[in-house]
Amino acid sequence: MEEKSKGKKILEILQENYEIESAQDLSSAIKDLFKDSLQEMINAEFETSMGYQKYDNKTEKSNYRNGKTKKKLKSEFGEFDFETPRDRNNEFEPIIVPKNKRAVSGIEDKIISLYGRGLSTREINEQIRDLYGIEISSTIVSNITDQILPKIKEWQDRPLESVYPICFVDAIHFSVRDEASVVKKAAYIVLGVNECGEKDVLGIWIGENESAKFWLSVFNDLKNRGVKDILILCSDGLTGIKEAIQAAFPKTVQQRCIVHMIRNSVRFVSYKELKSFCNDLKTIYTAKNEKAGYEQLQKIKEKWKDKYPTVLKSWEENWDAICPFFSYSEPVSILPIRLKV
């Protein structure tokens, strides 16, 4: 079976684990990065074709710039405006996005892969060759790389708001080529909800091992970019995140994601009893208050102890991180149950 493209695989993971609108939220963030990157790539290709940079007054020229042609491109991330540079002699024939091409579905995967692969000349050449069936020069690759990297750095270092009432943390796992082998890596995403209720991907960090040191570096990065406080942080039981959040934002309330708690529990439940077990779990997180929720937990534990003596152990051990949402009104408390990363 042909390997699924990285972009589609990412979207499938989001759609499988979260609501469709959550995947769209993340897709919108990637869309802007993709659009800018694609524009920078064709600009770099145009400069290579022309043989001189835009404001170069020293090079002798036989051809000149002649504005841009605007068109709309369709991609897996939606439709967006795109500009193709023109030259007076009409010699420029773009490879990245040909003149008559209006749909670029598939290029998204390649560009995302460029970031994941580290943007080496050889690997970028491989990606373009796979997509178009042609070889491109190392000069074009270098120009493209030089123009994309500042955009990535600018996005990674952009200032953030001082306070985020709610932040969600989750990971996307994917395979990348490292030297001669394929390895699994995780992209950890922090999605913040600001005081206006707007969602924004605050950053993406690649981590090989979860640890308090790793998470502390993530939170210190957020602080260095202007974040002074996070009121509620919702996450799975990521290794070391509790210690790191206490060190970086000691007043932040940590909330365990109920969706992840449910998934971790039902892995050990037989299919024929799954519906009944999930209905019982629902009585815990829909209880009217913390006390009632804990009482339901004990009842369910007693009911299923003979068949599944350990599946609710994590609920008891992590109750201090599960119960905080009971302190808030329904519009806020439902967020940990419907994680929107």
C-alpha atoms as a PDB file:
ATOM      1  CA  MET A   1       0.000   0.000   0.000  1.00  0.00           C
ATOM      2  CA  GLU A   2       1.298   3.427  -0.882  1.00  0.00           C
ATOM      3  CA  GLU A   3       2.391   5.427   2.159  1.00  0.00           C
ATOM      4  CA  LYS A   4      -0.060   8.141   3.131  1.00  0.00           C
ATOM      5  CA  SER A   5       1.178  11.664   2.691  1.00  0.00           C
ATOM      6  CA  LYS A   6       2.311  13.473   5.833  1.00  0.00           C
ATOM      7  CA  GLY A   7      -0.218  16.289   5.492  1.00  0.00           C
ATOM      8  CA  LYS A   8      -3.177  13.933   5.100  1.00  0.00           C
ATOM      9  CA  LYS A   9      -1.898  11.768   7.918  1.00  0.00           C
ATOM     10  CA  ILE A  10      -1.759  14.779  10.238  1.00  0.00           C
ATOM     11  CA  LEU A  11      -5.332  15.756   9.342  1.00  0.00           C
ATOM     12  CA  GLU A  12      -6.515  12.158   9.833  1.00  0.00           C
ATOM     13  CA  ILE A  13      -4.967  12.052  13.282  1.00  0.00           C
ATOM     14  CA  LEU A  14      -6.758  15.261  14.240  1.00  0.00           C
ATOM     15  CA  GLN A  15     -10.078  14.105  12.822  1.00  0.00           C
ATOM     16  CA  GLU A  16      -9.791  10.729  14.496  1.00  0.00           C
ATOM     17  CA  ASN A  17      -8.955  12.052  17.952  1.00  0.00           C
ATOM     18  CA  TYR A  18     -10.806  15.370  18.072  1.00  0.00           C
ATOM     19  CA  GLU A  19     -13.792  17.110  16.575  1.00  0.00           C
ATOM     20  CA  ILE A  20     -13.550  18.133  12.938  1.00  0.00           C
ATOM     21  CA  GLU A  21     -13.587  21.817  13.846  1.00  0.00           C
ATOM     22  CA  SER A  22     -10.485  21.339  15.929  1.00  0.00           C
ATOM     23  CA  ALA A  23      -8.590  19.992  12.944  1.00  0.00           C
ATOM     24  CA  GLN A  24      -9.799  22.977  10.932  1.00  0.00           C
ATOM     25  CA  ASP A  25      -8.473  25.311  13.583  1.00  0.00           C
ATOM     26  CA  LEU A  26      -5.013  23.832  13.272  1.00  0.00           C
ATOM     27  CA  SER A  27      -5.311  23.674   9.490  1.00  0.00           C
ATOM     28  CA  SER A  28      -6.003  27.403   9.384  1.00  0.00           C
ATOM     29  CA  ALA A  29      -2.789  28.085  11.282  1.00  0.00           C
ATOM     30  CA  ILE A  30      -0.784  25.910   8.905  1.00  0.00           C
ATOM     31  CA  LYS A  31      -2.535  27.488   5.897  1.00  0.00           C
ATOM     32  CA  ASP A  32      -0.969  30.888   6.519  1.00  0.00           C
ATOM     33  CA  LEU A  33       2.486  29.361   6.879  1.00  0.00           C
ATOM     34  CA  PHE A  34       1.975  27.316   3.715  1.00  0.00           C
ATOM     35  CA  LYS A  35       0.726  30.291   1.668  1.00  0.00           C
ATOM     36  CA  ASP A  36       3.659  32.524   2.659  1.00  0.00           C
ATOM     37  CA  SER A  37       6.159  29.734   2.088  1.00  0.00           C
ATOM     38  CA  LEU A  38       4.808  28.931  -1.373  1.00  0.00           C
ATOM     39  CA  GLN A  39       4.976  32.609  -2.325  1.00  0.00           C
ATOM     40  CA  GLU A  40       8.553  32.859  -1.103  1.00  0.00           C
ATOM     41  CA  MET A  41       9.479  29.742  -3.068  1.00  0.00           C
ATOM     42  CA  ILE A  42       8.226  31.095  -6.395  1.00  0.00           C
ATOM     43  CA  ASN A  43       9.857  34.469  -5.665  1.00  0.00           C
ATOM     44  CA  ALA A  44      13.170  32.684  -5.100  1.00  0.00           C
ATOM     45  CA  GLU A  45      12.660  30.701  -8.297  1.00  0.00           C
ATOM     46  CA  PHE A  46      11.975  33.942 -10.200  1.00  0.00           C
ATOM     47  CA  GLU A  47      15.148  35.619  -8.878  1.00  0.00           C
ATOM     48  CA  THR A  48      17.167  32.585  -9.925  1.00  0.00           C
ATOM     49  CA  SER A  49      15.640  32.775 -13.400  1.00  0.00           C
ATOM     50  CA  MET A  50      16.338  36.501 -13.690  1.00  0.00           C
ATOM     51  CA  GLY A  51      19.928  36.162 -12.490  1.00  0.00           C
ATOM     52  CA  TYR A  52      19.845  39.158 -10.167  1.00  0.00           C
ATOM     53  CA  GLN A  53      18.035  40.306  -7.036  1.00  0.00           C
ATOM     54  CA  LYS A  54      15.215  42.827  -7.040  1.00  0.00           C
ATOM     55  CA  TYR A  55      17.202  45.932  -6.078  1.00  0.00           C
ATOM     56  CA  ASP A  56      20.457  44.974  -7.771  1.00  0.00           C
ATOM     57  CA  ASN A  57      21.620  48.022  -9.782  1.00  0.00           C
ATOM     58  CA  LYS A  58      25.101  46.696 -10.584  1.00  0.00           C
ATOM     59  CA  THR A  59      24.362  43.601 -12.691  1.00  0.00           C
ATOM     60  CA  GLU A  60      23.954  44.144 -16.416  1.00  0.00           C
ATOM     61  CA  LYS A  61      20.450  43.099 -17.400  1.00  0.00           C
ATOM     62  CA  SER A  62      18.903  41.744 -20.582  1.00  0.00           C
ATOM     63  CA  ASN A  63      15.504  41.194 -18.996  1.00  0.00           C
ATOM     64  CA  TYR A  64      13.487  43.124 -16.408  1.00  0.00           C
ATOM     65  CA  ARG A  65      10.738  42.553 -13.901  1.00  0.00           C
ATOM     66  CA  ASN A  66       7.236  43.333 -15.116  1.00  0.00           C
ATOM     67  CA  GLY A  67       4.899  43.178 -12.137  1.00  0.00           C
ATOM     68  CA  LYS A  68       2.894  40.159 -11.011  1.00  0.00           C
ATOM     69  CA  THR A  69      -0.086  38.119 -12.144  1.00  0.00           C
ATOM     70  CA  LYS A  70      -2.659  37.431  -9.452  1.00  0.00           C
ATOM     71  CA  LYS A  71      -4.729  34.268  -9.230  1.00  0.00           C
ATOM     72  CA  LYS A  72      -6.468  32.107  -6.672  1.00  0.00           C
ATOM     73  CA  LEU A  73      -5.010  28.734  -5.752  1.00  0.00           C
ATOM     74  CA  LYS A  74      -6.923  25.851  -4.245  1.00  0.00           C
ATOM     75  CA  SER A  75      -5.246  23.594  -1.703  1.00  0.00           C
ATOM     76  CA  GLU A  76      -6.159  21.127   0.999  1.00  0.00           C
ATOM     77  CA  PHE A  77      -6.016  24.077   3.408  1.00  0.00           C
ATOM     78  CA  GLY A  78      -8.520  26.114   1.387  1.00  0.00           C
ATOM     79  CA  GLU A  79      -8.397  28.798  -1.311  1.00  0.00           C
ATOM     80  CA  PHE A  80      -6.002  31.734  -1.155  1.00  0.00           C
ATOM     81  CA  ASP A  81      -4.598  34.573  -3.326  1.00  0.00           C
ATOM     82  CA  PHE A  82      -1.285  33.947  -5.072  1.00  0.00           C
ATOM     83  CA  GLU A  83       1.021  36.143  -7.190  1.00  0.00           C
ATOM     84  CA  THR A  84       3.240  34.906 -10.011  1.00  0.00           C
ATOM     85  CA  PRO A  85       6.121  37.289 -10.914  1.00  0.00           C
ATOM     86  CA  ARG A  86       6.370  38.386 -14.571  1.00  0.00           C
ATOM     87  CA  ASP A  87       9.302  39.411 -16.761  1.00  0.00           C
ATOM     88  CA  ARG A  88       9.242  41.634 -19.858  1.00  0.00           C
ATOM     89  CA  ASN A  89      10.592  38.940 -22.178  1.00  0.00           C
ATOM     90  CA  ASN A  90       8.040  36.410 -20.912  1.00  0.00           C
ATOM     91  CA  GLU A  91      10.839  33.887 -20.352  1.00  0.00           C
ATOM     92  CA  PHE A  92      10.012  32.887 -16.798  1.00  0.00           C
ATOM     93  CA  GLU A  93       8.298  29.484 -16.651  1.00  0.00           C
ATOM     94  CA  PRO A  94       7.689  28.667 -12.972  1.00  0.00           C
ATOM     95  CA  ILE A  95       8.197  25.098 -11.800  1.00  0.00           C
ATOM     96  CA  ILE A  96       6.831  25.366  -8.274  1.00  0.00           C
ATOM     97  CA  VAL A  97       3.390  26.550  -9.444  1.00  0.00           C
ATOM     98  CA  PRO A  98       3.079  26.500 -13.271  1.00  0.00           C
ATOM     99  CA  LYS A  99       1.315  29.472 -14.879  1.00  0.00           C
ATOM    100  CA  ASN A 100      -1.937  27.683 -15.670  1.00  0.00           C
ATOM    101  CA  LYS A 101      -2.091  25.653 -12.489  1.00  0.00           C
ATOM    102  CA  ARG A 102      -4.925  26.588 -10.115  1.00  0.00           C
ATOM    103  CA  ALA A 103      -4.866  23.679  -7.657  1.00  0.00           C
ATOM    104  CA  VAL A 104      -1.833  22.776  -5.555  1.00  0.00           C
ATOM    105  CA  SER A 105      -3.154  19.905  -3.450  1.00  0.00           C
ATOM    106  CA  GLY A 106      -0.157  17.746  -2.695  1.00  0.00           C
ATOM    107  CA  ILE A 107       2.361  20.566  -2.475  1.00  0.00           C
ATOM    108  CA  GLU A 108       1.233  21.116   1.131  1.00  0.00           C
ATOM    109  CA  ASP A 109       2.633  17.727   2.094  1.00  0.00           C
ATOM    110  CA  LYS A 110       5.929  18.506   0.418  1.00  0.00           C
ATOM    111  CA  ILE A 111       6.363  21.858   2.160  1.00  0.00           C
ATOM    112  CA  ILE A 112       5.440  20.401   5.551  1.00  0.00           C
ATOM    113  CA  SER A 113       7.949  17.655   4.846  1.00  0.00           C
ATOM    114  CA  LEU A 114      10.625  20.271   4.063  1.00  0.00           C
ATOM    115  CA  TYR A 115      10.288  21.624   7.599  1.00  0.00           C
ATOM    116  CA  GLY A 116      10.291  18.154   9.136  1.00  0.00           C
ATOM    117  CA  ARG A 117      13.365  17.087   7.167  1.00  0.00           C
ATOM    118  CA  GLY A 118      15.467  20.080   8.115  1.00  0.00           C
ATOM    119  CA  LEU A 119      15.533  21.765   4.678  1.00  0.00           C
ATOM    120  CA  SER A 120      18.727  20.137   3.386  1.00  0.00           C
ATOM    121  CA  THR A 121      19.531  20.763  -0.289  1.00  0.00           C
ATOM    122  CA  ARG A 122      19.520  17.079  -1.150  1.00  0.00           C
ATOM    123  CA  GLU A 123      16.216  16.326   0.564  1.00  0.00           C
ATOM    124  CA  ILE A 124      14.417  19.363  -0.851  1.00  0.00           C
ATOM    125  CA  ASN A 125      15.606  18.315  -4.299  1.00  0.00           C
ATOM    126  CA  GLU A 126      14.147  14.860  -3.647  1.00  0.00           C
ATOM    127  CA  GLN A 127      10.783  16.331  -2.674  1.00  0.00           C
ATOM    128  CA  ILE A 128      10.497  18.552  -5.748  1.00  0.00           C
ATOM    129  CA  ARG A 129      11.631  15.696  -7.970  1.00  0.00           C
ATOM    130  CA  ASP A 130       8.966  13.416  -6.455  1.00  0.00           C
ATOM    131  CA  LEU A 131       6.289  16.043  -7.067  1.00  0.00           C
ATOM    132  CA  TYR A 132       7.248  17.261 -10.563  1.00  0.00           C
ATOM    133  CA  GLY A 133       9.472  14.506 -11.905  1.00  0.00           C
ATOM    134  CA  ILE A 134      12.327  16.940 -12.618  1.00  0.00           C
ATOM    135  CA  GLU A 135      15.621  17.947 -11.086  1.00  0.00           C
ATOM    136  CA  ILE A 136      16.171  21.495  -9.819  1.00  0.00           C
ATOM    137  CA  SER A 137      19.492  23.176  -9.280  1.00  0.00           C
ATOM    138  CA  SER A 138      21.103  23.569  -5.874  1.00  0.00           C
ATOM    139  CA  THR A 139      21.004  27.340  -6.469  1.00  0.00           C
ATOM    140  CA  ILE A 140      17.202  27.332  -6.612  1.00  0.00           C
ATOM    141  CA  VAL A 141      17.034  25.129  -3.523  1.00  0.00           C
ATOM    142  CA  SER A 142      19.396  27.433  -1.634  1.00  0.00           C
ATOM    143  CA  ASN A 143      17.407  30.529  -2.626  1.00  0.00           C
ATOM    144  CA  ILE A 144      14.167  28.897  -1.555  1.00  0.00           C
ATOM    145  CA  THR A 145      15.674  27.798   1.755  1.00  0.00           C
ATOM    146  CA  ASP A 146      17.168  31.239   2.434  1.00  0.00           C
ATOM    147  CA  GLN A 147      13.790  32.923   1.924  1.00  0.00           C
ATOM    148  CA  ILE A 148      11.699  30.426   3.897  1.00  0.00           C
ATOM    149  CA  LEU A 149      13.870  30.201   7.002  1.00  0.00           C
ATOM    150  CA  PRO A 150      13.338  33.846   8.095  1.00  0.00           C
ATOM    151  CA  LYS A 151       9.559  33.333   7.819  1.00  0.00           C
ATOM    152  CA  ILE A 152       9.728  30.269  10.049  1.00  0.00           C
ATOM    153  CA  LYS A 153      11.936  32.055  12.560  1.00  0.00           C
ATOM    154  CA  GLU A 154       9.627  35.083  12.567  1.00  0.00           C
ATOM    155  CA  TRP A 155       6.604  32.885  13.306  1.00  0.00           C
ATOM    156  CA  GLN A 156       8.421  30.946  16.019  1.00  0.00           C
ATOM    157  CA  ASP A 157       9.600  34.119  17.787  1.00  0.00           C
ATOM    158  CA  ARG A 158       6.519  36.324  17.334  1.00  0.00           C
ATOM    159  CA  PRO A 159       5.265  38.168  20.460  1.00  0.00           C
ATOM    160  CA  LEU A 160       2.335  36.647  22.328  1.00  0.00           C
ATOM    161  CA  GLU A 161      -0.372  38.094  24.549  1.00  0.00           C
ATOM    162  CA  SER A 162       0.336  38.504  28.246  1.00  0.00           C
ATOM    163  CA  VAL A 163      -2.536  36.365  29.541  1.00  0.00           C
ATOM    164  CA  TYR A 164      -4.273  33.290  28.144  1.00  0.00           C
ATOM    165  CA  PRO A 165      -7.305  32.102  30.126  1.00  0.00           C
ATOM    166  CA  ILE A 166      -6.984  28.594  28.681  1.00  0.00           C
ATOM    167  CA  CYS A 167      -4.192  26.714  26.910  1.00  0.00           C
ATOM    168  CA  PHE A 168      -4.327  23.210  25.472  1.00  0.00           C
ATOM    169  CA  VAL A 169      -1.273  21.006  24.997  1.00  0.00           C
ATOM    170  CA  ASP A 170      -1.182  17.952  22.775  1.00  0.00           C
ATOM    171  CA  ALA A 171       1.103  16.131  20.346  1.00  0.00           C
ATOM    172  CA  ILE A 172       1.081  14.863  16.777  1.00  0.00           C
ATOM    173  CA  HIS A 173       3.322  11.871  16.122  1.00  0.00           C
ATOM    174  CA  PHE A 174       4.842  11.371  12.684  1.00  0.00           C
ATOM    175  CA  SER A 175       7.652   9.551  10.879  1.00  0.00           C
ATOM    176  CA  VAL A 176      10.638  11.404   9.429  1.00  0.00           C
ATOM    177  CA  ARG A 177      13.812  10.291   7.707  1.00  0.00           C
ATOM    178  CA  ASP A 178      16.954  10.712   9.801  1.00  0.00           C
ATOM    179  CA  GLU A 179      20.094   9.835   7.850  1.00  0.00           C
ATOM    180  CA  ALA A 180      19.430   6.320   6.512  1.00  0.00           C
ATOM    181  CA  SER A 181      16.542   5.379   8.815  1.00  0.00           C
ATOM    182  CA  VAL A 182      12.974   6.460   9.538  1.00  0.00           C
ATOM    183  CA  VAL A 183      12.287   7.543  13.121  1.00  0.00           C
ATOM    184  CA  LYS A 184       9.213   8.593  15.072  1.00  0.00           C
ATOM    185  CA  LYS A 185       9.052  12.151  16.347  1.00  0.00           C
ATOM    186  CA  ALA A 186       6.431  14.184  18.172  1.00  0.00           C
ATOM    187  CA  ALA A 187       5.382  17.733  17.415  1.00  0.00           C
ATOM    188  CA  TYR A 188       4.051  19.248  20.648  1.00  0.00           C
ATOM    189  CA  ILE A 189       1.470  21.958  20.061  1.00  0.00           C
ATOM    190  CA  VAL A 190       0.340  24.648  22.496  1.00  0.00           C
ATOM    191  CA  LEU A 191      -2.984  26.196  21.505  1.00  0.00           C
ATOM    192  CA  GLY A 192      -4.071  29.256  23.463  1.00  0.00           C
ATOM    193  CA  VAL A 193      -7.489  30.828  23.892  1.00  0.00           C
ATOM    194  CA  ASN A 194      -7.132  34.566  24.503  1.00  0.00           C
ATOM    195  CA  GLU A 195      -9.385  36.904  26.489  1.00  0.00           C
ATOM    196  CA  CYS A 196     -11.545  37.486  23.390  1.00  0.00           C
ATOM    197  CA  GLY A 197     -12.151  33.758  22.949  1.00  0.00           C
ATOM    198  CA  GLU A 198      -9.896  33.558  19.879  1.00  0.00           C
ATOM    199  CA  LYS A 199      -7.717  30.477  19.396  1.00  0.00           C
ATOM    200  CA  ASP A 200      -4.111  30.661  18.266  1.00  0.00           C
ATOM    201  CA  VAL A 201      -1.335  28.093  17.919  1.00  0.00           C
ATOM    202  CA  LEU A 202       1.308  29.621  20.191  1.00  0.00           C
ATOM    203  CA  GLY A 203       4.070  27.336  19.041  1.00  0.00           C
ATOM    204  CA  ILE A 204       5.170  23.907  17.847  1.00  0.00           C
ATOM    205  CA  TRP A 205       8.127  22.148  19.443  1.00  0.00           C
ATOM    206  CA  ILE A 206       9.788  18.944  18.289  1.00  0.00           C
ATOM    207  CA  GLY A 207      10.717  16.716  21.212  1.00  0.00           C
ATOM    208  CA  GLU A 208      12.191  13.220  21.268  1.00  0.00           C
ATOM    209  CA  ASN A 209      11.659  12.643  24.990  1.00  0.00           C
ATOM    210  CA  GLU A 210       9.079  14.130  27.321  1.00  0.00           C
ATOM    211  CA  SER A 211      10.618  15.456  30.527  1.00  0.00           C
ATOM    212  CA  ALA A 212      10.266  18.277  33.009  1.00  0.00           C
ATOM    213  CA  LYS A 213      13.344  19.883  31.438  1.00  0.00           C
ATOM    214  CA  PHE A 214      11.767  19.808  27.977  1.00  0.00           C
ATOM    215  CA  TRP A 215       8.458  21.271  29.165  1.00  0.00           C
ATOM    216  CA  LEU A 216      10.228  23.933  31.208  1.00  0.00           C
ATOM    217  CA  SER A 217      12.026  25.042  28.032  1.00  0.00           C
ATOM    218  CA  VAL A 218       8.648  25.251  26.248  1.00  0.00           C
ATOM    219  CA  PHE A 219       7.056  27.351  28.999  1.00  0.00           C
ATOM    220  CA  ASN A 220      10.134  29.570  29.307  1.00  0.00           C
ATOM    221  CA  ASP A 221       9.905  30.169  25.554  1.00  0.00           C
ATOM    222  CA  LEU A 222       6.299  31.325  26.022  1.00  0.00           C
ATOM    223  CA  LYS A 223       7.373  33.602  28.895  1.00  0.00           C
ATOM    224  CA  ASN A 224      10.193  35.093  26.841  1.00  0.00           C
ATOM    225  CA  ARG A 225       7.669  35.929  24.118  1.00  0.00           C
ATOM    226  CA  GLY A 226       5.446  37.850  26.518  1.00  0.00           C
ATOM    227  CA  VAL A 227       3.182  35.353  28.289  1.00  0.00           C
ATOM    228  CA  LYS A 228       2.881  36.291  31.949  1.00  0.00           C
ATOM    229  CA  ASP A 229       0.100  33.987  33.055  1.00  0.00           C
ATOM    230  CA  ILE A 230      -2.006  30.992  31.973  1.00  0.00           C
ATOM    231  CA  LEU A 231      -5.146  30.515  34.036  1.00  0.00           C
ATOM    232  CA  ILE A 232      -5.970  26.913  33.039  1.00  0.00           C
ATOM    233  CA  LEU A 233      -3.728  24.478  31.192  1.00  0.00           C
ATOM    234  CA  CYS A 234      -5.412  21.361  29.807  1.00  0.00           C
ATOM    235  CA  SER A 235      -3.297  18.383  28.747  1.00  0.00           C
ATOM    236  CA  ASP A 236      -2.879  14.648  28.822  1.00  0.00           C
ATOM    237  CA  GLY A 237      -0.604  13.084  31.435  1.00  0.00           C
ATOM    238  CA  LEU A 238       2.560  14.212  29.664  1.00  0.00           C
ATOM    239  CA  THR A 239       5.717  13.251  31.538  1.00  0.00           C
ATOM    240  CA  GLY A 240       7.161  16.144  33.522  1.00  0.00           C
ATOM    241  CA  ILE A 241       4.557  18.729  32.506  1.00  0.00           C
ATOM    242  CA  LYS A 242       3.113  19.084  36.020  1.00  0.00           C
ATOM    243  CA  GLU A 243       6.471  19.980  37.563  1.00  0.00           C
ATOM    244  CA  ALA A 244       7.331  22.324  34.700  1.00  0.00           C
ATOM    245  CA  ILE A 245       4.062  24.267  34.820  1.00  0.00           C
ATOM    246  CA  GLN A 246       4.429  24.704  38.600  1.00  0.00           C
ATOM    247  CA  ALA A 247       7.911  26.122  38.112  1.00  0.00           C
ATOM    248  CA  ALA A 248       7.092  28.440  35.184  1.00  0.00           C
ATOM    249  CA  PHE A 249       3.514  29.474  36.022  1.00  0.00           C
ATOM    250  CA  PRO A 250       2.938  28.549  39.688  1.00  0.00           C
ATOM    251  CA  LYS A 251      -0.605  29.987  39.775  1.00  0.00           C
ATOM    252  CA  THR A 252      -1.789  28.022  36.737  1.00  0.00           C
ATOM    253  CA  VAL A 253      -4.468  25.379  37.319  1.00  0.00           C
ATOM    254  CA  GLN A 254      -3.618  22.122  35.565  1.00  0.00           C
ATOM    255  CA  GLN A 255      -6.592  20.234  34.149  1.00  0.00           C
ATOM    256  CA  ARG A 256      -6.298  16.700  32.809  1.00  0.00           C
ATOM    257  CA  CYS A 257      -8.159  16.219  29.535  1.00  0.00           C
ATOM    258  CA  ILE A 258     -11.222  14.043  30.160  1.00  0.00           C
ATOM    259  CA  VAL A 259     -11.190  12.758  26.573  1.00  0.00           C
ATOM    260  CA  HIS A 260      -7.697  11.335  27.095  1.00  0.00           C
ATOM    261  CA  MET A 261      -8.708   9.879  30.460  1.00  0.00           C
ATOM    262  CA  ILE A 262     -11.632   8.070  28.824  1.00  0.00           C
ATOM    263  CA  ARG A 263      -9.500   6.729  25.974  1.00  0.00           C
ATOM    264  CA  ASN A 264      -6.834   5.481  28.343  1.00  0.00           C
ATOM    265  CA  SER A 265      -9.481   3.627  30.360  1.00  0.00           C
ATOM    266  CA  VAL A 266     -11.522   1.990  27.583  1.00  0.00           C
ATOM    267  CA  ARG A 267      -8.437   0.411  25.983  1.00  0.00           C
ATOM    268  CA  PHE A 268      -8.860  -2.460  28.437  1.00  0.00           C
ATOM    269  CA  VAL A 269     -12.639  -2.856  28.127  1.00  0.00           C
ATOM    270  CA  SER A 270     -14.179  -5.461  25.830  1.00  0.00           C
ATOM    271  CA  TYR A 271     -16.167  -4.168  22.878  1.00  0.00           C
ATOM    272  CA  LYS A 272     -19.480  -5.689  24.002  1.00  0.00           C
ATOM    273  CA  GLU A 273     -19.264  -3.811  27.318  1.00  0.00           C
ATOM    274  CA  LEU A 274     -17.801  -0.600  25.939  1.00  0.00           C
ATOM    275  CA  LYS A 275     -21.055   1.334  25.625  1.00  0.00           C
ATOM    276  CA  SER A 276     -22.193   0.481  29.137  1.00  0.00           C
ATOM    277  CA  PHE A 277     -18.796   1.314  30.602  1.00  0.00           C
ATOM    278  CA  CYS A 278     -18.635   4.698  28.807  1.00  0.00           C
ATOM    279  CA  ASN A 279     -22.133   5.571  30.015  1.00  0.00           C
ATOM    280  CA  ASP A 280     -20.964   4.914  33.565  1.00  0.00           C
ATOM    281  CA  LEU A 281     -17.865   7.065  33.069  1.00  0.00           C
ATOM    282  CA  LYS A 282     -20.073   9.892  31.812  1.00  0.00           C
ATOM    283  CA  THR A 283     -21.801  10.085  35.190  1.00  0.00           C
ATOM    284  CA  ILE A 284     -18.439  11.058  36.718  1.00  0.00           C
ATOM    285  CA  TYR A 285     -17.573  14.079  34.593  1.00  0.00           C
ATOM    286  CA  THR A 286     -21.174  15.275  34.223  1.00  0.00           C
ATOM    287  CA  ALA A 287     -21.840  15.240  37.968  1.00  0.00           C
ATOM    288  CA  LYS A 288     -23.106  18.466  39.501  1.00  0.00           C
ATOM    289  CA  ASN A 289     -19.990  19.005  41.626  1.00  0.00           C
ATOM    290  CA  GLU A 290     -16.667  17.455  42.630  1.00  0.00           C
ATOM    291  CA  LYS A 291     -18.070  15.551  45.598  1.00  0.00           C
ATOM    292  CA  ALA A 292     -20.806  13.957  43.502  1.00  0.00           C
ATOM    293  CA  GLY A 293     -18.302  13.121  40.777  1.00  0.00           C
ATOM    294  CA  TYR A 294     -15.976  11.356  43.215  1.00  0.00           C
ATOM    295  CA  GLU A 295     -18.892   9.412  44.686  1.00  0.00           C
ATOM    296  CA  GLN A 296     -19.817   8.238  41.180  1.00  0.00           C
ATOM    297  CA  LEU A 297     -16.222   7.181  40.621  1.00  0.00           C
ATOM    298  CA  GLN A 298     -16.356   4.960  43.707  1.00  0.00           C
ATOM    299  CA  LYS A 299     -19.678   3.416  42.629  1.00  0.00           C
ATOM    300  CA  ILE A 300     -18.367   2.615  39.158  1.00  0.00           C
ATOM    301  CA  LYS A 301     -15.158   1.224  40.603  1.00  0.00           C
ATOM    302  CA  GLU A 302     -17.179  -1.095  42.814  1.00  0.00           C
ATOM    303  CA  LYS A 303     -19.428  -2.135  39.899  1.00  0.00           C
ATOM    304  CA  TRP A 304     -16.588  -3.095  37.548  1.00  0.00           C
ATOM    305  CA  LYS A 305     -13.891  -4.168  40.027  1.00  0.00           C
ATOM    306  CA  ASP A 306     -14.254  -7.894  39.303  1.00  0.00           C
ATOM    307  CA  LYS A 307     -13.827  -7.540  35.518  1.00  0.00           C
ATOM    308  CA  TYR A 308     -11.616  -4.454  35.332  1.00  0.00           C
ATOM    309  CA  PRO A 309      -9.914  -3.921  38.705  1.00  0.00           C
ATOM    310  CA  THR A 310      -7.297  -1.414  37.476  1.00  0.00           C
ATOM    311  CA  VAL A 311      -8.922   0.649  34.700  1.00  0.00           C
ATOM    312  CA  LEU A 312     -10.130   3.356  37.092  1.00  0.00           C
ATOM    313  CA  LYS A 313      -6.893   3.509  39.055  1.00  0.00           C
ATOM    314  CA  SER A 314      -5.617   6.452  37.015  1.00  0.00           C
ATOM    315  CA  TRP A 315      -8.830   8.396  37.791  1.00  0.00           C
ATOM    316  CA  GLU A 316      -8.202   8.077  41.516  1.00  0.00           C
ATOM    317  CA  GLU A 317      -4.483   8.797  41.282  1.00  0.00           C
ATOM    318  CA  ASN A 318      -5.034  11.905  39.158  1.00  0.00           C
ATOM    319  CA  TRP A 319      -8.252  13.154  40.732  1.00  0.00           C
ATOM    320  CA  ASP A 320      -6.590  16.396  41.867  1.00  0.00           C
ATOM    321  CA  ALA A 321      -5.890  17.211  38.182  1.00  0.00           C
ATOM    322  CA  ILE A 322      -9.242  15.873  36.939  1.00  0.00           C
ATOM    323  CA  CYS A 323     -11.575  17.719  39.277  1.00  0.00           C
ATOM    324  CA  PRO A 324     -10.657  21.433  38.759  1.00  0.00           C
ATOM    325  CA  PHE A 325     -13.265  21.959  36.023  1.00  0.00           C
ATOM    326  CA  PHE A 326     -16.027  21.299  38.561  1.00  0.00           C
ATOM    327  CA  SER A 327     -15.205  24.743  40.014  1.00  0.00           C
ATOM    328  CA  TYR A 328     -16.303  26.573  36.860  1.00  0.00           C
ATOM    329  CA  SER A 329     -19.508  27.267  35.013  1.00  0.00           C
ATOM    330  CA  GLU A 330     -20.600  24.926  32.209  1.00  0.00           C
ATOM    331  CA  PRO A 331     -19.217  26.996  29.249  1.00  0.00           C
ATOM    332  CA  VAL A 332     -15.746  26.741  30.828  1.00  0.00           C
ATOM    333  CA  SER A 333     -15.962  23.297  32.419  1.00  0.00           C
ATOM    334  CA  ILE A 334     -16.966  21.573  29.178  1.00  0.00           C
ATOM    335  CA  LEU A 335     -13.650  22.540  27.521  1.00  0.00           C
ATOM    336  CA  PRO A 336     -11.555  19.806  29.199  1.00  0.00           C
ATOM    337  CA  ILE A 337     -14.169  17.286  28.056  1.00  0.00           C
ATOM    338  CA  ARG A 338     -14.020  18.450  24.429  1.00  0.00           C
ATOM    339  CA  LEU A 339     -10.360  19.207  23.958  1.00  0.00           C
ATOM    340  CA  LYS A 340      -9.918  21.611  21.013  1.00  0.00           C
ATOM    341  CA  VAL A 341      -6.303  21.319  19.932  1.00  0.00           C
END
